[in-house]
Amino acid sequence: MANHKSAEKRNRQGIVRRERNVAAKSAIKSKVKSILSAVDTKSKESSVNALNAAVPALAKAASKGLIHKKNASRKISRLTKKVNALQG
């Protein structure tokens, strides 16, 4: 339990940031799942649209430090590969 005024503020800030991070990670996971489900149904147009929505979200999460830069890069690469496999 925080006893000092500054420690109480840090606690409040941490709670707000945690909620923001949880929501952002959940949104990213939902976007990735939408790509995977579109790929499973072999829907070219919807998978491309889902990929176009997910790539900037992953890049932004990496730039904010929400996920590691290489983790975001790897996810983008693998998802793009799956979507491109439908095209050809």
PDB file of N, CA and C in Angstrom:
ATOM      1  N   MET A   1       0.836  -1.187   0.000  1.00  0.00           N
ATOM      2  CA  MET A   1       0.000   0.000   0.000  1.00  0.00           C
ATOM      3  C   MET A   1       0.880   1.250   0.000  1.00  0.00           C
ATOM      4  N   ALA A   2       0.588   2.134  -0.921  1.00  0.00           N
ATOM      5  CA  ALA A   2       1.372   3.359  -1.031  1.00  0.00           C
ATOM      6  C   ALA A   2       1.047   4.318   0.117  1.00  0.00           C
ATOM      7  N   ASN A   3       2.095   4.879   0.709  1.00  0.00           N
ATOM      8  CA  ASN A   3       1.905   5.796   1.828  1.00  0.00           C
ATOM      9  C   ASN A   3       2.173   7.245   1.464  1.00  0.00           C
ATOM     10  N   HIS A   4       3.062   7.472   0.496  1.00  0.00           N
ATOM     11  CA  HIS A   4       3.401   8.833   0.101  1.00  0.00           C
ATOM     12  C   HIS A   4       2.539   9.285  -1.064  1.00  0.00           C
ATOM     13  N   LYS A   5       2.376  10.580  -1.156  1.00  0.00           N
ATOM     14  CA  LYS A   5       1.538  11.146  -2.208  1.00  0.00           C
ATOM     15  C   LYS A   5       2.053  10.758  -3.591  1.00  0.00           C
ATOM     16  N   SER A   6       3.356  10.822  -3.780  1.00  0.00           N
ATOM     17  CA  SER A   6       3.942  10.485  -5.083  1.00  0.00           C
ATOM     18  C   SER A   6       3.762   8.996  -5.400  1.00  0.00           C
ATOM     19  N   ALA A   7       3.854   8.146  -4.386  1.00  0.00           N
ATOM     20  CA  ALA A   7       3.680   6.713  -4.590  1.00  0.00           C
ATOM     21  C   ALA A   7       2.230   6.390  -4.945  1.00  0.00           C
ATOM     22  N   GLU A   8       1.294   7.127  -4.336  1.00  0.00           N
ATOM     23  CA  GLU A   8      -0.121   6.925  -4.674  1.00  0.00           C
ATOM     24  C   GLU A   8      -0.388   7.316  -6.124  1.00  0.00           C
ATOM     25  N   LYS A   9       0.243   8.403  -6.568  1.00  0.00           N
ATOM     26  CA  LYS A   9       0.079   8.842  -7.955  1.00  0.00           C
ATOM     27  C   LYS A   9       0.667   7.813  -8.911  1.00  0.00           C
ATOM     28  N   ARG A  10       1.852   7.300  -8.597  1.00  0.00           N
ATOM     29  CA  ARG A  10       2.467   6.282  -9.451  1.00  0.00           C
ATOM     30  C   ARG A  10       1.564   5.051  -9.548  1.00  0.00           C
ATOM     31  N   ASN A  11       0.916   4.706  -8.444  1.00  0.00           N
ATOM     32  CA  ASN A  11       0.001   3.577  -8.437  1.00  0.00           C
ATOM     33  C   ASN A  11      -1.182   3.823  -9.363  1.00  0.00           C
ATOM     34  N   ARG A  12      -1.758   5.040  -9.284  1.00  0.00           N
ATOM     35  CA  ARG A  12      -2.879   5.388 -10.163  1.00  0.00           C
ATOM     36  C   ARG A  12      -2.445   5.352 -11.636  1.00  0.00           C
ATOM     37  N   GLN A  13      -1.281   5.908 -11.915  1.00  0.00           N
ATOM     38  CA  GLN A  13      -0.778   5.928 -13.292  1.00  0.00           C
ATOM     39  C   GLN A  13      -0.568   4.504 -13.818  1.00  0.00           C
ATOM     40  N   GLY A  14      -0.048   3.647 -12.956  1.00  0.00           N
ATOM     41  CA  GLY A  14       0.198   2.268 -13.355  1.00  0.00           C
ATOM     42  C   GLY A  14      -1.086   1.533 -13.707  1.00  0.00           C
ATOM     43  N   ILE A  15      -2.127   1.799 -12.947  1.00  0.00           N
ATOM     44  CA  ILE A  15      -3.423   1.158 -13.209  1.00  0.00           C
ATOM     45  C   ILE A  15      -3.971   1.603 -14.557  1.00  0.00           C
ATOM     46  N   VAL A  16      -3.901   2.910 -14.838  1.00  0.00           N
ATOM     47  CA  VAL A  16      -4.406   3.444 -16.109  1.00  0.00           C
ATOM     48  C   VAL A  16      -3.602   2.865 -17.280  1.00  0.00           C
ATOM     49  N   ARG A  17      -2.295   2.829 -17.133  1.00  0.00           N
ATOM     50  CA  ARG A  17      -1.433   2.326 -18.211  1.00  0.00           C
ATOM     51  C   ARG A  17      -1.658   0.846 -18.456  1.00  0.00           C
ATOM     52  N   ARG A  18      -1.845   0.091 -17.366  1.00  0.00           N
ATOM     53  CA  ARG A  18      -2.084  -1.335 -17.515  1.00  0.00           C
ATOM     54  C   ARG A  18      -3.369  -1.588 -18.294  1.00  0.00           C
ATOM     55  N   GLU A  19      -4.430  -0.857 -17.956  1.00  0.00           N
ATOM     56  CA  GLU A  19      -5.704  -1.009 -18.675  1.00  0.00           C
ATOM     57  C   GLU A  19      -5.545  -0.669 -20.149  1.00  0.00           C
ATOM     58  N   ARG A  20      -4.787   0.391 -20.440  1.00  0.00           N
ATOM     59  CA  ARG A  20      -4.553   0.792 -21.825  1.00  0.00           C
ATOM     60  C   ARG A  20      -3.768  -0.292 -22.573  1.00  0.00           C
ATOM     61  N   ASN A  21      -2.744  -0.843 -21.922  1.00  0.00           N
ATOM     62  CA  ASN A  21      -1.925  -1.875 -22.561  1.00  0.00           C
ATOM     63  C   ASN A  21      -2.715  -3.150 -22.807  1.00  0.00           C
ATOM     64  N   VAL A  22      -3.534  -3.538 -21.842  1.00  0.00           N
ATOM     65  CA  VAL A  22      -4.351  -4.752 -21.988  1.00  0.00           C
ATOM     66  C   VAL A  22      -5.320  -4.587 -23.162  1.00  0.00           C
ATOM     67  N   ALA A  23      -5.939  -3.409 -23.259  1.00  0.00           N
ATOM     68  CA  ALA A  23      -6.883  -3.161 -24.350  1.00  0.00           C
ATOM     69  C   ALA A  23      -6.182  -3.177 -25.698  1.00  0.00           C
ATOM     70  N   ALA A  24      -5.006  -2.582 -25.771  1.00  0.00           N
ATOM     71  CA  ALA A  24      -4.263  -2.536 -27.038  1.00  0.00           C
ATOM     72  C   ALA A  24      -3.811  -3.921 -27.457  1.00  0.00           C
ATOM     73  N   LYS A  25      -3.317  -4.714 -26.511  1.00  0.00           N
ATOM     74  CA  LYS A  25      -2.884  -6.079 -26.846  1.00  0.00           C
ATOM     75  C   LYS A  25      -4.067  -6.923 -27.304  1.00  0.00           C
ATOM     76  N   SER A  26      -5.205  -6.737 -26.655  1.00  0.00           N
ATOM     77  CA  SER A  26      -6.400  -7.481 -27.035  1.00  0.00           C
ATOM     78  C   SER A  26      -6.829  -7.113 -28.451  1.00  0.00           C
ATOM     79  N   ALA A  27      -6.761  -5.841 -28.784  1.00  0.00           N
ATOM     80  CA  ALA A  27      -7.135  -5.392 -30.131  1.00  0.00           C
ATOM     81  C   ALA A  27      -6.210  -5.995 -31.177  1.00  0.00           C
ATOM     82  N   ILE A  28      -4.926  -6.050 -30.865  1.00  0.00           N
ATOM     83  CA  ILE A  28      -3.969  -6.636 -31.803  1.00  0.00           C
ATOM     84  C   ILE A  28      -4.271  -8.119 -32.014  1.00  0.00           C
ATOM     85  N   LYS A  29      -4.522  -8.818 -30.922  1.00  0.00           N
ATOM     86  CA  LYS A  29      -4.824 -10.251 -31.025  1.00  0.00           C
ATOM     87  C   LYS A  29      -6.074 -10.483 -31.858  1.00  0.00           C
ATOM     88  N   SER A  30      -7.074  -9.625 -31.699  1.00  0.00           N
ATOM     89  CA  SER A  30      -8.309  -9.755 -32.474  1.00  0.00           C
ATOM     90  C   SER A  30      -8.044  -9.544 -33.953  1.00  0.00           C
ATOM     91  N   LYS A  31      -7.203  -8.566 -34.283  1.00  0.00           N
ATOM     92  CA  LYS A  31      -6.883  -8.300 -35.687  1.00  0.00           C
ATOM     93  C   LYS A  31      -6.114  -9.459 -36.309  1.00  0.00           C
ATOM     94  N   VAL A  32      -5.197 -10.043 -35.551  1.00  0.00           N
ATOM     95  CA  VAL A  32      -4.435 -11.193 -36.051  1.00  0.00           C
ATOM     96  C   VAL A  32      -5.369 -12.380 -36.274  1.00  0.00           C
ATOM     97  N   LYS A  33      -6.294 -12.598 -35.344  1.00  0.00           N
ATOM     98  CA  LYS A  33      -7.239 -13.707 -35.483  1.00  0.00           C
ATOM     99  C   LYS A  33      -8.146 -13.515 -36.689  1.00  0.00           C
ATOM    100  N   SER A  34      -8.511 -12.259 -36.976  1.00  0.00           N
ATOM    101  CA  SER A  34      -9.361 -12.022 -38.142  1.00  0.00           C
ATOM    102  C   SER A  34      -8.619 -12.352 -39.429  1.00  0.00           C
ATOM    103  N   ILE A  35      -7.319 -12.093 -39.473  1.00  0.00           N
ATOM    104  CA  ILE A  35      -6.515 -12.471 -40.647  1.00  0.00           C
ATOM    105  C   ILE A  35      -6.487 -13.985 -40.780  1.00  0.00           C
ATOM    106  N   LEU A  36      -6.215 -14.664 -39.690  1.00  0.00           N
ATOM    107  CA  LEU A  36      -6.101 -16.125 -39.734  1.00  0.00           C
ATOM    108  C   LEU A  36      -7.422 -16.780 -40.126  1.00  0.00           C
ATOM    109  N   SER A  37      -8.529 -16.243 -39.643  1.00  0.00           N
ATOM    110  CA  SER A  37      -9.820 -16.825 -40.010  1.00  0.00           C
ATOM    111  C   SER A  37     -10.134 -16.562 -41.479  1.00  0.00           C
ATOM    112  N   ALA A  38      -9.743 -15.392 -41.996  1.00  0.00           N
ATOM    113  CA  ALA A  38      -9.959 -15.086 -43.410  1.00  0.00           C
ATOM    114  C   ALA A  38      -9.093 -15.988 -44.283  1.00  0.00           C
ATOM    115  N   VAL A  39      -7.883 -16.272 -43.827  1.00  0.00           N
ATOM    116  CA  VAL A  39      -6.996 -17.168 -44.579  1.00  0.00           C
ATOM    117  C   VAL A  39      -7.560 -18.590 -44.568  1.00  0.00           C
ATOM    118  N   ASP A  40      -8.105 -19.004 -43.428  1.00  0.00           N
ATOM    119  CA  ASP A  40      -8.682 -20.356 -43.334  1.00  0.00           C
ATOM    120  C   ASP A  40      -9.867 -20.532 -44.272  1.00  0.00           C
ATOM    121  N   THR A  41     -10.652 -19.470 -44.455  1.00  0.00           N
ATOM    122  CA  THR A  41     -11.799 -19.558 -45.358  1.00  0.00           C
ATOM    123  C   THR A  41     -11.406 -19.293 -46.812  1.00  0.00           C
ATOM    124  N   LYS A  42     -10.097 -19.018 -47.020  1.00  0.00           N
ATOM    125  CA  LYS A  42      -9.552 -18.767 -48.358  1.00  0.00           C
ATOM    126  C   LYS A  42     -10.197 -17.549 -49.033  1.00  0.00           C
ATOM    127  N   SER A  43     -10.560 -16.576 -48.234  1.00  0.00           N
ATOM    128  CA  SER A  43     -11.147 -15.346 -48.736  1.00  0.00           C
ATOM    129  C   SER A  43     -10.026 -14.335 -48.990  1.00  0.00           C
ATOM    130  N   LYS A  44      -9.724 -14.117 -50.270  1.00  0.00           N
ATOM    131  CA  LYS A  44      -8.584 -13.263 -50.626  1.00  0.00           C
ATOM    132  C   LYS A  44      -8.802 -11.813 -50.210  1.00  0.00           C
ATOM    133  N   GLU A  45      -9.948 -11.264 -50.574  1.00  0.00           N
ATOM    134  CA  GLU A  45     -10.191  -9.842 -50.334  1.00  0.00           C
ATOM    135  C   GLU A  45     -10.259  -9.516 -48.846  1.00  0.00           C
ATOM    136  N   SER A  46     -10.974 -10.329 -48.092  1.00  0.00           N
ATOM    137  CA  SER A  46     -11.100 -10.038 -46.662  1.00  0.00           C
ATOM    138  C   SER A  46      -9.778 -10.249 -45.926  1.00  0.00           C
ATOM    139  N   SER A  47      -8.974 -11.204 -46.384  1.00  0.00           N
ATOM    140  CA  SER A  47      -7.674 -11.411 -45.733  1.00  0.00           C
ATOM    141  C   SER A  47      -6.736 -10.241 -46.010  1.00  0.00           C
ATOM    142  N   VAL A  48      -6.782  -9.695 -47.214  1.00  0.00           N
ATOM    143  CA  VAL A  48      -5.946  -8.532 -47.541  1.00  0.00           C
ATOM    144  C   VAL A  48      -6.403  -7.322 -46.730  1.00  0.00           C
ATOM    145  N   ASN A  49      -7.706  -7.122 -46.625  1.00  0.00           N
ATOM    146  CA  ASN A  49      -8.230  -5.997 -45.840  1.00  0.00           C
ATOM    147  C   ASN A  49      -7.851  -6.125 -44.364  1.00  0.00           C
ATOM    148  N   ALA A  50      -7.941  -7.338 -43.842  1.00  0.00           N
ATOM    149  CA  ALA A  50      -7.589  -7.567 -42.440  1.00  0.00           C
ATOM    150  C   ALA A  50      -6.092  -7.342 -42.221  1.00  0.00           C
ATOM    151  N   LEU A  51      -5.285  -7.762 -43.186  1.00  0.00           N
ATOM    152  CA  LEU A  51      -3.841  -7.556 -43.082  1.00  0.00           C
ATOM    153  C   LEU A  51      -3.508  -6.070 -43.105  1.00  0.00           C
ATOM    154  N   ASN A  52      -4.175  -5.322 -43.980  1.00  0.00           N
ATOM    155  CA  ASN A  52      -3.929  -3.888 -44.077  1.00  0.00           C
ATOM    156  C   ASN A  52      -4.318  -3.151 -42.795  1.00  0.00           C
ATOM    157  N   ALA A  53      -5.241  -3.706 -42.031  1.00  0.00           N
ATOM    158  CA  ALA A  53      -5.623  -3.101 -40.753  1.00  0.00           C
ATOM    159  C   ALA A  53      -4.664  -3.511 -39.639  1.00  0.00           C
ATOM    160  N   ALA A  54      -4.141  -4.729 -39.719  1.00  0.00           N
ATOM    161  CA  ALA A  54      -3.328  -5.254 -38.625  1.00  0.00           C
ATOM    162  C   ALA A  54      -1.881  -4.780 -38.662  1.00  0.00           C
ATOM    163  N   VAL A  55      -1.322  -4.592 -39.847  1.00  0.00           N
ATOM    164  CA  VAL A  55       0.100  -4.232 -39.953  1.00  0.00           C
ATOM    165  C   VAL A  55       0.399  -2.903 -39.248  1.00  0.00           C
ATOM    166  N   PRO A  56      -0.365  -1.833 -39.489  1.00  0.00           N
ATOM    167  CA  PRO A  56      -0.068  -0.588 -38.767  1.00  0.00           C
ATOM    168  C   PRO A  56      -0.271  -0.713 -37.258  1.00  0.00           C
ATOM    169  N   ALA A  57      -1.234  -1.515 -36.847  1.00  0.00           N
ATOM    170  CA  ALA A  57      -1.475  -1.694 -35.415  1.00  0.00           C
ATOM    171  C   ALA A  57      -0.294  -2.394 -34.753  1.00  0.00           C
ATOM    172  N   LEU A  58       0.241  -3.416 -35.426  1.00  0.00           N
ATOM    173  CA  LEU A  58       1.405  -4.116 -34.892  1.00  0.00           C
ATOM    174  C   LEU A  58       2.622  -3.198 -34.860  1.00  0.00           C
ATOM    175  N   ALA A  59       2.811  -2.417 -35.911  1.00  0.00           N
ATOM    176  CA  ALA A  59       3.955  -1.512 -35.967  1.00  0.00           C
ATOM    177  C   ALA A  59       3.858  -0.442 -34.871  1.00  0.00           C
ATOM    178  N   LYS A  60       2.665   0.066 -34.646  1.00  0.00           N
ATOM    179  CA  LYS A  60       2.473   1.084 -33.613  1.00  0.00           C
ATOM    180  C   LYS A  60       2.714   0.499 -32.225  1.00  0.00           C
ATOM    181  N   ALA A  61       2.239  -0.725 -32.003  1.00  0.00           N
ATOM    182  CA  ALA A  61       2.451  -1.373 -30.709  1.00  0.00           C
ATOM    183  C   ALA A  61       3.942  -1.574 -30.456  1.00  0.00           C
ATOM    184  N   ALA A  62       4.681  -1.906 -31.509  1.00  0.00           N
ATOM    185  CA  ALA A  62       6.124  -2.086 -31.365  1.00  0.00           C
ATOM    186  C   ALA A  62       6.807  -0.758 -31.070  1.00  0.00           C
ATOM    187  N   SER A  63       6.376   0.303 -31.733  1.00  0.00           N
ATOM    188  CA  SER A  63       7.012   1.600 -31.517  1.00  0.00           C
ATOM    189  C   SER A  63       6.722   2.138 -30.122  1.00  0.00           C
ATOM    190  N   LYS A  64       5.576   1.777 -29.566  1.00  0.00           N
ATOM    191  CA  LYS A  64       5.220   2.213 -28.216  1.00  0.00           C
ATOM    192  C   LYS A  64       5.860   1.337 -27.136  1.00  0.00           C
ATOM    193  N   GLY A  65       6.455   0.209 -27.549  1.00  0.00           N
ATOM    194  CA  GLY A  65       7.068  -0.691 -26.582  1.00  0.00           C
ATOM    195  C   GLY A  65       6.098  -1.687 -25.988  1.00  0.00           C
ATOM    196  N   LEU A  66       4.925  -1.788 -26.567  1.00  0.00           N
ATOM    197  CA  LEU A  66       3.914  -2.718 -26.063  1.00  0.00           C
ATOM    198  C   LEU A  66       4.334  -4.162 -26.347  1.00  0.00           C
ATOM    199  N   ILE A  67       4.859  -4.378 -27.546  1.00  0.00           N
ATOM    200  CA  ILE A  67       5.465  -5.668 -27.892  1.00  0.00           C
ATOM    201  C   ILE A  67       6.851  -5.369 -28.447  1.00  0.00           C
ATOM    202  N   HIS A  68       7.701  -6.359 -28.475  1.00  0.00           N
ATOM    203  CA  HIS A  68       9.062  -6.158 -28.958  1.00  0.00           C
ATOM    204  C   HIS A  68       9.055  -5.914 -30.459  1.00  0.00           C
ATOM    205  N   LYS A  69      10.005  -5.112 -30.910  1.00  0.00           N
ATOM    206  CA  LYS A  69      10.086  -4.731 -32.322  1.00  0.00           C
ATOM    207  C   LYS A  69      10.233  -5.957 -33.227  1.00  0.00           C
ATOM    208  N   LYS A  70      11.069  -6.889 -32.815  1.00  0.00           N
ATOM    209  CA  LYS A  70      11.283  -8.086 -33.644  1.00  0.00           C
ATOM    210  C   LYS A  70      10.076  -9.016 -33.607  1.00  0.00           C
ATOM    211  N   ASN A  71       9.351  -9.016 -32.495  1.00  0.00           N
ATOM    212  CA  ASN A  71       8.128  -9.810 -32.397  1.00  0.00           C
ATOM    213  C   ASN A  71       7.100  -9.291 -33.395  1.00  0.00           C
ATOM    214  N   ALA A  72       6.946  -7.965 -33.455  1.00  0.00           N
ATOM    215  CA  ALA A  72       6.004  -7.366 -34.397  1.00  0.00           C
ATOM    216  C   ALA A  72       6.429  -7.659 -35.831  1.00  0.00           C
ATOM    217  N   SER A  73       7.708  -7.531 -36.104  1.00  0.00           N
ATOM    218  CA  SER A  73       8.228  -7.778 -37.445  1.00  0.00           C
ATOM    219  C   SER A  73       7.976  -9.224 -37.866  1.00  0.00           C
ATOM    220  N   ARG A  74       8.194 -10.142 -36.947  1.00  0.00           N
ATOM    221  CA  ARG A  74       7.983 -11.565 -37.236  1.00  0.00           C
ATOM    222  C   ARG A  74       6.513 -11.858 -37.512  1.00  0.00           C
ATOM    223  N   LYS A  75       5.632 -11.285 -36.704  1.00  0.00           N
ATOM    224  CA  LYS A  75       4.193 -11.492 -36.918  1.00  0.00           C
ATOM    225  C   LYS A  75       3.751 -10.938 -38.264  1.00  0.00           C
ATOM    226  N   ILE A  76       4.205  -9.724 -38.588  1.00  0.00           N
ATOM    227  CA  ILE A  76       3.843  -9.101 -39.862  1.00  0.00           C
ATOM    228  C   ILE A  76       4.326  -9.960 -41.021  1.00  0.00           C
ATOM    229  N   SER A  77       5.550 -10.439 -40.923  1.00  0.00           N
ATOM    230  CA  SER A  77       6.130 -11.254 -41.988  1.00  0.00           C
ATOM    231  C   SER A  77       5.352 -12.547 -42.196  1.00  0.00           C
ATOM    232  N   ARG A  78       5.054 -13.233 -41.112  1.00  0.00           N
ATOM    233  CA  ARG A  78       4.358 -14.520 -41.224  1.00  0.00           C
ATOM    234  C   ARG A  78       2.925 -14.352 -41.727  1.00  0.00           C
ATOM    235  N   LEU A  79       2.254 -13.305 -41.255  1.00  0.00           N
ATOM    236  CA  LEU A  79       0.882 -13.072 -41.701  1.00  0.00           C
ATOM    237  C   LEU A  79       0.856 -12.682 -43.181  1.00  0.00           C
ATOM    238  N   THR A  80       1.814 -11.855 -43.591  1.00  0.00           N
ATOM    239  CA  THR A  80       1.894 -11.450 -44.996  1.00  0.00           C
ATOM    240  C   THR A  80       2.154 -12.655 -45.881  1.00  0.00           C
ATOM    241  N   LYS A  81       3.004 -13.542 -45.414  1.00  0.00           N
ATOM    242  CA  LYS A  81       3.310 -14.771 -46.161  1.00  0.00           C
ATOM    243  C   LYS A  81       2.050 -15.613 -46.368  1.00  0.00           C
ATOM    244  N   LYS A  82       1.246 -15.732 -45.309  1.00  0.00           N
ATOM    245  CA  LYS A  82       0.012 -16.528 -45.414  1.00  0.00           C
ATOM    246  C   LYS A  82      -0.985 -15.898 -46.381  1.00  0.00           C
ATOM    247  N   VAL A  83      -1.105 -14.585 -46.315  1.00  0.00           N
ATOM    248  CA  VAL A  83      -2.042 -13.895 -47.202  1.00  0.00           C
ATOM    249  C   VAL A  83      -1.555 -13.985 -48.656  1.00  0.00           C
ATOM    250  N   ASN A  84      -0.260 -13.825 -48.859  1.00  0.00           N
ATOM    251  CA  ASN A  84       0.293 -13.905 -50.219  1.00  0.00           C
ATOM    252  C   ASN A  84       0.174 -15.299 -50.804  1.00  0.00           C
ATOM    253  N   ALA A  85       0.162 -16.318 -49.952  1.00  0.00           N
ATOM    254  CA  ALA A  85       0.011 -17.687 -50.437  1.00  0.00           C
ATOM    255  C   ALA A  85      -1.363 -17.886 -51.060  1.00  0.00           C
ATOM    256  N   LEU A  86      -2.355 -17.138 -50.597  1.00  0.00           N
ATOM    257  CA  LEU A  86      -3.697 -17.217 -51.201  1.00  0.00           C
ATOM    258  C   LEU A  86      -3.724 -16.609 -52.588  1.00  0.00           C
ATOM    259  N   GLN A  87      -2.918 -15.583 -52.786  1.00  0.00           N
ATOM    260  CA  GLN A  87      -2.934 -14.846 -54.062  1.00  0.00           C
ATOM    261  C   GLN A  87      -2.419 -15.713 -55.208  1.00  0.00           C
ATOM    262  N   GLY A  88      -1.396 -16.494 -54.931  1.00  0.00           N
ATOM    263  CA  GLY A  88      -0.742 -17.242 -55.992  1.00  0.00           C
ATOM    264  C   GLY A  88      -1.232 -18.625 -56.224  1.00  0.00           C
TER     265      GLY A  88
END
